[in-house]
All heavy atoms as atom14 arrays in JSON, in Angstrom:
{
  "sequence": "LLQQVDTPLGLYDRPQNVFVAGFIGSPAMNIGTFKI",
  "atom14_mask": [
    [1, 1, 1, 1, 1, 1, 1, 1, 0, 0, 0, 0, 0, 0],
    [1, 1, 1, 1, 1, 1, 1, 1, 0, 0, 0, 0, 0, 0],
    [1, 1, 1, 1, 1, 1, 1, 1, 1, 0, 0, 0, 0, 0],
    [1, 1, 1, 1, 1, 1, 1, 1, 1, 0, 0, 0, 0, 0],
    [1, 1, 1, 1, 1, 1, 1, 0, 0, 0, 0, 0, 0, 0],
    [1, 1, 1, 1, 1, 1, 1, 1, 0, 0, 0, 0, 0, 0],
    [1, 1, 1, 1, 1, 1, 1, 0, 0, 0, 0, 0, 0, 0],
    [1, 1, 1, 1, 1, 1, 1, 0, 0, 0, 0, 0, 0, 0],
    [1, 1, 1, 1, 1, 1, 1, 1, 0, 0, 0, 0, 0, 0],
    [1, 1, 1, 1, 0, 0, 0, 0, 0, 0, 0, 0, 0, 0],
    [1, 1, 1, 1, 1, 1, 1, 1, 0, 0, 0, 0, 0, 0],
    [1, 1, 1, 1, 1, 1, 1, 1, 1, 1, 1, 1, 0, 0],
    [1, 1, 1, 1, 1, 1, 1, 1, 0, 0, 0, 0, 0, 0],
    [1, 1, 1, 1, 1, 1, 1, 1, 1, 1, 1, 0, 0, 0],
    [1, 1, 1, 1, 1, 1, 1, 0, 0, 0, 0, 0, 0, 0],
    [1, 1, 1, 1, 1, 1, 1, 1, 1, 0, 0, 0, 0, 0],
    [1, 1, 1, 1, 1, 1, 1, 1, 0, 0, 0, 0, 0, 0],
    [1, 1, 1, 1, 1, 1, 1, 0, 0, 0, 0, 0, 0, 0],
    [1, 1, 1, 1, 1, 1, 1, 1, 1, 1, 1, 0, 0, 0],
    [1, 1, 1, 1, 1, 1, 1, 0, 0, 0, 0, 0, 0, 0],
    [1, 1, 1, 1, 1, 0, 0, 0, 0, 0, 0, 0, 0, 0],
    [1, 1, 1, 1, 0, 0, 0, 0, 0, 0, 0, 0, 0, 0],
    [1, 1, 1, 1, 1, 1, 1, 1, 1, 1, 1, 0, 0, 0],
    [1, 1, 1, 1, 1, 1, 1, 1, 0, 0, 0, 0, 0, 0],
    [1, 1, 1, 1, 0, 0, 0, 0, 0, 0, 0, 0, 0, 0],
    [1, 1, 1, 1, 1, 1, 0, 0, 0, 0, 0, 0, 0, 0],
    [1, 1, 1, 1, 1, 1, 1, 0, 0, 0, 0, 0, 0, 0],
    [1, 1, 1, 1, 1, 0, 0, 0, 0, 0, 0, 0, 0, 0],
    [1, 1, 1, 1, 1, 1, 1, 1, 0, 0, 0, 0, 0, 0],
    [1, 1, 1, 1, 1, 1, 1, 1, 0, 0, 0, 0, 0, 0],
    [1, 1, 1, 1, 1, 1, 1, 1, 0, 0, 0, 0, 0, 0],
    [1, 1, 1, 1, 0, 0, 0, 0, 0, 0, 0, 0, 0, 0],
    [1, 1, 1, 1, 1, 1, 1, 0, 0, 0, 0, 0, 0, 0],
    [1, 1, 1, 1, 1, 1, 1, 1, 1, 1, 1, 0, 0, 0],
    [1, 1, 1, 1, 1, 1, 1, 1, 1, 0, 0, 0, 0, 0],
    [1, 1, 1, 1, 1, 1, 1, 1, 0, 0, 0, 0, 0, 0]
  ],
  "atom14_positions": [
    [[11.08, -159.9, -101.88], [11.25, -160.24, -103.29], [9.95, -160.77, -103.89], [9.23, -161.57, -103.27], [12.34, -161.3, -103.46], [13.77, -160.86, -103.1], [14.68, -162.08, -103.04], [14.29, -159.85, -104.11], [0.0, 0.0, 0.0], [0.0, 0.0, 0.0], [0.0, 0.0, 0.0], [0.0, 0.0, 0.0], [0.0, 0.0, 0.0], [0.0, 0.0, 0.0]],
    [[9.65, -160.32, -105.09], [8.49, -160.83, -105.82], [8.75, -162.26, -106.25], [9.73, -162.54, -106.95], [8.24, -159.94, -107.04], [7.15, -160.4, -108.01], [5.8, -160.42, -107.32], [7.09, -159.48, -109.23], [0.0, 0.0, 0.0], [0.0, 0.0, 0.0], [0.0, 0.0, 0.0], [0.0, 0.0, 0.0], [0.0, 0.0, 0.0], [0.0, 0.0, 0.0]],
    [[7.88, -163.17, -105.85], [8.03, -164.58, -106.21], [7.24, -164.93, -107.47], [7.73, -165.63, -108.35], [7.55, -165.46, -105.05], [8.28, -165.24, -103.74], [9.74, -165.63, -103.83], [10.07, -166.75, -104.21], [10.63, -164.72, -103.46], [0.0, 0.0, 0.0], [0.0, 0.0, 0.0], [0.0, 0.0, 0.0], [0.0, 0.0, 0.0], [0.0, 0.0, 0.0]],
    [[6.01, -164.45, -107.53], [5.16, -164.74, -108.69], [3.95, -163.84, -108.64], [3.42, -163.53, -107.57], [4.73, -166.21, -108.69], [3.97, -166.63, -109.97], [3.63, -168.12, -109.97], [4.08, -168.88, -109.14], [2.84, -168.54, -110.95], [0.0, 0.0, 0.0], [0.0, 0.0, 0.0], [0.0, 0.0, 0.0], [0.0, 0.0, 0.0], [0.0, 0.0, 0.0]],
    [[3.5, -163.38, -109.8], [2.23, -162.65, -109.9], [1.44, -163.29, -111.03], [1.94, -163.47, -112.13], [2.46, -161.14, -110.11], [3.29, -160.85, -111.35], [1.12, -160.41, -110.17], [0.0, 0.0, 0.0], [0.0, 0.0, 0.0], [0.0, 0.0, 0.0], [0.0, 0.0, 0.0], [0.0, 0.0, 0.0], [0.0, 0.0, 0.0], [0.0, 0.0, 0.0]],
    [[0.19, -163.66, -110.71], [-0.61, -164.4, -111.68], [-2.06, -164.37, -111.21], [-2.37, -163.87, -110.12], [-0.11, -165.85, -111.79], [-0.44, -166.51, -113.13], [-1.38, -166.03, -113.81], [0.23, -167.48, -113.49], [0.0, 0.0, 0.0], [0.0, 0.0, 0.0], [0.0, 0.0, 0.0], [0.0, 0.0, 0.0], [0.0, 0.0, 0.0], [0.0, 0.0, 0.0]],
    [[-2.94, -164.91, -112.02], [-4.32, -165.1, -111.58], [-4.34, -166.12, -110.44], [-3.4, -166.92, -110.31], [-5.2, -165.61, -112.73], [-4.71, -166.9, -113.13], [-5.16, -164.67, -113.91], [0.0, 0.0, 0.0], [0.0, 0.0, 0.0], [0.0, 0.0, 0.0], [0.0, 0.0, 0.0], [0.0, 0.0, 0.0], [0.0, 0.0, 0.0], [0.0, 0.0, 0.0]],
    [[-5.39, -166.12, -109.61], [-5.45, -167.14, -108.55], [-5.3, -168.56, -109.07], [-4.55, -169.36, -108.51], [-6.83, -166.9, -107.93], [-7.09, -165.44, -108.14], [-6.5, -165.15, -109.5], [0.0, 0.0, 0.0], [0.0, 0.0, 0.0], [0.0, 0.0, 0.0], [0.0, 0.0, 0.0], [0.0, 0.0, 0.0], [0.0, 0.0, 0.0], [0.0, 0.0, 0.0]],
    [[-5.98, -168.87, -110.17], [-5.89, -170.23, -110.73], [-4.5, -170.51, -111.29], [-3.98, -171.62, -111.16], [-6.95, -170.42, -111.82], [-7.13, -171.86, -112.33], [-7.52, -172.79, -111.18], [-8.18, -171.91, -113.43], [0.0, 0.0, 0.0], [0.0, 0.0, 0.0], [0.0, 0.0, 0.0], [0.0, 0.0, 0.0], [0.0, 0.0, 0.0], [0.0, 0.0, 0.0]],
    [[-3.87, -169.48, -111.89], [-2.53, -169.64, -112.41], [-1.53, -169.97, -111.31], [-0.66, -170.83, -111.47], [0.0, 0.0, 0.0], [0.0, 0.0, 0.0], [0.0, 0.0, 0.0], [0.0, 0.0, 0.0], [0.0, 0.0, 0.0], [0.0, 0.0, 0.0], [0.0, 0.0, 0.0], [0.0, 0.0, 0.0], [0.0, 0.0, 0.0], [0.0, 0.0, 0.0]],
    [[-1.64, -169.29, -110.17], [-0.77, -169.58, -109.03], [-0.99, -170.99, -108.53], [-0.04, -171.69, -108.16], [-1.05, -168.6, -107.89], [-0.55, -167.17, -108.02], [-1.02, -166.37, -106.81], [0.95, -167.11, -108.12], [0.0, 0.0, 0.0], [0.0, 0.0, 0.0], [0.0, 0.0, 0.0], [0.0, 0.0, 0.0], [0.0, 0.0, 0.0], [0.0, 0.0, 0.0]],
    [[-2.23, -171.4, -108.49], [-2.58, -172.71, -107.94], [-2.11, -173.84, -108.85], [-1.56, -174.84, -108.4], [-4.09, -172.78, -107.73], [-4.55, -173.94, -106.88], [-4.52, -173.85, -105.49], [-5.02, -175.12, -107.46], [-4.95, -174.91, -104.7], [-5.44, -176.18, -106.67], [-5.4, -176.06, -105.29], [-5.81, -177.12, -104.52], [0.0, 0.0, 0.0], [0.0, 0.0, 0.0]],
    [[-2.32, -173.64, -110.17], [-2.02, -174.71, -111.12], [-0.56, -174.78, -111.52], [-0.04, -175.86, -111.82], [-2.88, -174.54, -112.38], [-4.32, -174.98, -112.17], [-4.58, -175.66, -111.16], [-5.17, -174.62, -113.0], [0.0, 0.0, 0.0], [0.0, 0.0, 0.0], [0.0, 0.0, 0.0], [0.0, 0.0, 0.0], [0.0, 0.0, 0.0], [0.0, 0.0, 0.0]],
    [[0.13, -173.61, -111.56], [1.52, -173.6, -112.02], [2.39, -172.7, -111.13], [2.87, -171.65, -111.58], [1.61, -173.13, -113.48], [1.09, -174.16, -114.47], [1.52, -173.82, -115.89], [2.96, -173.83, -116.07], [3.69, -174.91, -116.29], [3.13, -176.11, -116.31], [5.0, -174.81, -116.48], [0.0, 0.0, 0.0], [0.0, 0.0, 0.0], [0.0, 0.0, 0.0]],
    [[2.57, -173.08, -109.87], [3.47, -172.31, -109.01], [4.89, -172.33, -109.57], [5.37, -173.39, -110.0], [3.38, -173.04, -107.66], [2.92, -174.43, -108.01], [2.04, -174.28, -109.21], [0.0, 0.0, 0.0], [0.0, 0.0, 0.0], [0.0, 0.0, 0.0], [0.0, 0.0, 0.0], [0.0, 0.0, 0.0], [0.0, 0.0, 0.0], [0.0, 0.0, 0.0]],
    [[5.55, -171.17, -109.55], [6.86, -171.07, -110.2], [8.01, -171.55, -109.33], [9.12, -171.72, -109.81], [7.1, -169.63, -110.65], [6.24, -169.2, -111.81], [6.41, -170.12, -113.01], [7.52, -170.28, -113.53], [5.33, -170.76, -113.45], [0.0, 0.0, 0.0], [0.0, 0.0, 0.0], [0.0, 0.0, 0.0], [0.0, 0.0, 0.0], [0.0, 0.0, 0.0]],
    [[7.77, -171.71, -108.03], [8.83, -172.21, -107.16], [8.23, -172.92, -105.96], [7.0, -172.91, -105.76], [9.8, -171.09, -106.75], [9.1, -169.95, -106.05], [8.26, -170.16, -105.17], [9.44, -168.72, -106.42], [0.0, 0.0, 0.0], [0.0, 0.0, 0.0], [0.0, 0.0, 0.0], [0.0, 0.0, 0.0], [0.0, 0.0, 0.0], [0.0, 0.0, 0.0]],
    [[9.09, -173.51, -105.16], [8.63, -174.31, -104.02], [7.9, -173.44, -103.0], [6.9, -173.88, -102.41], [9.84, -175.01, -103.35], [9.43, -175.66, -102.03], [10.42, -176.07, -104.28], [0.0, 0.0, 0.0], [0.0, 0.0, 0.0], [0.0, 0.0, 0.0], [0.0, 0.0, 0.0], [0.0, 0.0, 0.0], [0.0, 0.0, 0.0], [0.0, 0.0, 0.0]],
    [[8.36, -172.2, -102.79], [7.7, -171.34, -101.82], [6.25, -171.08, -102.21], [5.34, -171.23, -101.39], [8.44, -170.01, -101.66], [7.71, -169.05, -100.76], [7.76, -169.21, -99.38], [6.93, -168.03, -101.28], [7.05, -168.36, -98.55], [6.23, -167.17, -100.46], [6.3, -167.34, -99.08], [0.0, 0.0, 0.0], [0.0, 0.0, 0.0], [0.0, 0.0, 0.0]],
    [[6.01, -170.68, -103.44], [4.64, -170.39, -103.89], [3.79, -171.65, -103.81], [2.63, -171.62, -103.39], [4.64, -169.82, -105.32], [3.21, -169.64, -105.83], [5.4, -168.5, -105.37], [0.0, 0.0, 0.0], [0.0, 0.0, 0.0], [0.0, 0.0, 0.0], [0.0, 0.0, 0.0], [0.0, 0.0, 0.0], [0.0, 0.0, 0.0], [0.0, 0.0, 0.0]],
    [[4.38, -172.78, -104.2], [3.65, -174.06, -104.16], [3.18, -174.38, -102.75], [2.05, -174.82, -102.53], [4.54, -175.18, -104.69], [0.0, 0.0, 0.0], [0.0, 0.0, 0.0], [0.0, 0.0, 0.0], [0.0, 0.0, 0.0], [0.0, 0.0, 0.0], [0.0, 0.0, 0.0], [0.0, 0.0, 0.0], [0.0, 0.0, 0.0], [0.0, 0.0, 0.0]],
    [[4.05, -174.15, -101.77], [3.7, -174.46, -100.39], [2.81, -173.43, -99.74], [2.05, -173.74, -98.82], [0.0, 0.0, 0.0], [0.0, 0.0, 0.0], [0.0, 0.0, 0.0], [0.0, 0.0, 0.0], [0.0, 0.0, 0.0], [0.0, 0.0, 0.0], [0.0, 0.0, 0.0], [0.0, 0.0, 0.0], [0.0, 0.0, 0.0], [0.0, 0.0, 0.0]],
    [[2.89, -172.18, -100.22], [2.13, -171.1, -99.59], [0.69, -171.04, -100.09], [-0.23, -170.76, -99.33], [2.82, -169.75, -99.85], [2.21, -168.61, -99.08], [2.53, -168.41, -97.75], [1.31, -167.76, -99.68], [1.96, -167.38, -97.03], [0.74, -166.72, -98.98], [1.07, -166.52, -97.65], [0.0, 0.0, 0.0], [0.0, 0.0, 0.0], [0.0, 0.0, 0.0]],
    [[0.5, -171.29, -101.38], [-0.83, -171.18, -101.98], [-1.54, -172.53, -101.92], [-1.02, -173.54, -102.37], [-0.73, -170.7, -103.44], [-0.13, -169.29, -103.5], [-2.09, -170.75, -104.12], [-0.97, -168.22, -102.85], [0.0, 0.0, 0.0], [0.0, 0.0, 0.0], [0.0, 0.0, 0.0], [0.0, 0.0, 0.0], [0.0, 0.0, 0.0], [0.0, 0.0, 0.0]],
    [[-2.73, -172.52, -101.36], [-3.52, -173.74, -101.25], [-3.77, -174.11, -99.81], [-2.91, -173.97, -98.96], [0.0, 0.0, 0.0], [0.0, 0.0, 0.0], [0.0, 0.0, 0.0], [0.0, 0.0, 0.0], [0.0, 0.0, 0.0], [0.0, 0.0, 0.0], [0.0, 0.0, 0.0], [0.0, 0.0, 0.0], [0.0, 0.0, 0.0], [0.0, 0.0, 0.0]],
    [[-4.99, -174.55, -99.51], [-5.35, -174.95, -98.16], [-6.28, -176.17, -98.23], [-7.35, -176.09, -98.84], [-6.07, -173.8, -97.44], [-6.41, -174.15, -96.12], [0.0, 0.0, 0.0], [0.0, 0.0, 0.0], [0.0, 0.0, 0.0], [0.0, 0.0, 0.0], [0.0, 0.0, 0.0], [0.0, 0.0, 0.0], [0.0, 0.0, 0.0], [0.0, 0.0, 0.0]],
    [[-5.85, -177.29, -97.63], [-4.56, -177.57, -96.99], [-3.4, -177.42, -97.97], [-3.59, -177.41, -99.18], [-4.7, -179.02, -96.52], [-6.16, -179.31, -96.51], [-6.74, -178.48, -97.61], [0.0, 0.0, 0.0], [0.0, 0.0, 0.0], [0.0, 0.0, 0.0], [0.0, 0.0, 0.0], [0.0, 0.0, 0.0], [0.0, 0.0, 0.0], [0.0, 0.0, 0.0]],
    [[-2.21, -177.33, -97.4], [-1.02, -177.07, -98.21], [-0.69, -178.24, -99.12], [-1.07, -179.39, -98.87], [0.16, -176.77, -97.29], [0.0, 0.0, 0.0], [0.0, 0.0, 0.0], [0.0, 0.0, 0.0], [0.0, 0.0, 0.0], [0.0, 0.0, 0.0], [0.0, 0.0, 0.0], [0.0, 0.0, 0.0], [0.0, 0.0, 0.0], [0.0, 0.0, 0.0]],
    [[0.05, -177.91, -100.18], [0.55, -178.94, -101.08], [1.51, -179.87, -100.34], [2.26, -179.44, -99.48], [1.28, -178.28, -102.27], [1.84, -179.27, -103.28], [2.84, -178.48, -104.58], [1.6, -177.67, -105.56], [0.0, 0.0, 0.0], [0.0, 0.0, 0.0], [0.0, 0.0, 0.0], [0.0, 0.0, 0.0], [0.0, 0.0, 0.0], [0.0, 0.0, 0.0]],
    [[1.48, -181.15, -100.68], [2.49, -182.1, -100.2], [3.78, -181.85, -100.97], [3.78, -181.86, -102.21], [2.03, -183.54, -100.45], [0.72, -183.85, -99.78], [0.64, -183.94, -98.57], [-0.34, -184.02, -100.57], [0.0, 0.0, 0.0], [0.0, 0.0, 0.0], [0.0, 0.0, 0.0], [0.0, 0.0, 0.0], [0.0, 0.0, 0.0], [0.0, 0.0, 0.0]],
    [[4.87, -181.6, -100.28], [6.14, -181.34, -100.94], [7.23, -182.14, -100.24], [7.34, -182.11, -99.01], [6.51, -179.84, -100.9], [5.43, -179.01, -101.63], [7.87, -179.59, -101.55], [5.64, -177.52, -101.52], [0.0, 0.0, 0.0], [0.0, 0.0, 0.0], [0.0, 0.0, 0.0], [0.0, 0.0, 0.0], [0.0, 0.0, 0.0], [0.0, 0.0, 0.0]],
    [[8.03, -182.85, -101.0], [9.13, -183.62, -100.43], [10.26, -183.76, -101.43], [10.07, -183.57, -102.64], [0.0, 0.0, 0.0], [0.0, 0.0, 0.0], [0.0, 0.0, 0.0], [0.0, 0.0, 0.0], [0.0, 0.0, 0.0], [0.0, 0.0, 0.0], [0.0, 0.0, 0.0], [0.0, 0.0, 0.0], [0.0, 0.0, 0.0], [0.0, 0.0, 0.0]],
    [[11.44, -184.07, -100.95], [12.6, -184.28, -101.8], [12.9, -185.78, -101.86], [13.04, -186.43, -100.82], [13.82, -183.52, -101.27], [13.52, -182.13, -101.27], [15.05, -183.77, -102.14], [0.0, 0.0, 0.0], [0.0, 0.0, 0.0], [0.0, 0.0, 0.0], [0.0, 0.0, 0.0], [0.0, 0.0, 0.0], [0.0, 0.0, 0.0], [0.0, 0.0, 0.0]],
    [[12.97, -186.33, -103.08], [13.09, -187.77, -103.26], [14.22, -188.1, -104.23], [14.51, -187.32, -105.16], [11.78, -188.35, -103.78], [10.58, -188.02, -102.93], [9.75, -186.96, -103.27], [10.33, -188.74, -101.78], [8.65, -186.65, -102.47], [9.23, -188.44, -100.99], [8.4, -187.39, -101.33], [0.0, 0.0, 0.0], [0.0, 0.0, 0.0], [0.0, 0.0, 0.0]],
    [[14.85, -189.24, -104.03], [15.91, -189.69, -104.93], [15.33, -190.1, -106.28], [14.22, -190.63, -106.36], [16.66, -190.88, -104.31], [17.68, -190.46, -103.26], [18.56, -191.65, -102.89], [19.7, -191.2, -101.97], [20.59, -192.32, -101.62], [0.0, 0.0, 0.0], [0.0, 0.0, 0.0], [0.0, 0.0, 0.0], [0.0, 0.0, 0.0], [0.0, 0.0, 0.0]],
    [[16.12, -189.85, -107.34], [15.77, -190.31, -108.68], [16.61, -191.55, -109.0], [17.84, -191.51, -108.95], [16.04, -189.22, -109.73], [15.22, -187.96, -109.44], [15.73, -189.73, -111.14], [15.53, -186.8, -110.35], [0.0, 0.0, 0.0], [0.0, 0.0, 0.0], [0.0, 0.0, 0.0], [0.0, 0.0, 0.0], [0.0, 0.0, 0.0], [0.0, 0.0, 0.0]]
  ]
}
């Protein structure tokens, strides 16, 4: 499934979902689930 198509900077700055956020970038983005 296509997750997102964008410029490299667009993917990096505005990932459209958690998968893209965690996949793009080295080292990886810090991602966690927290209570509000």
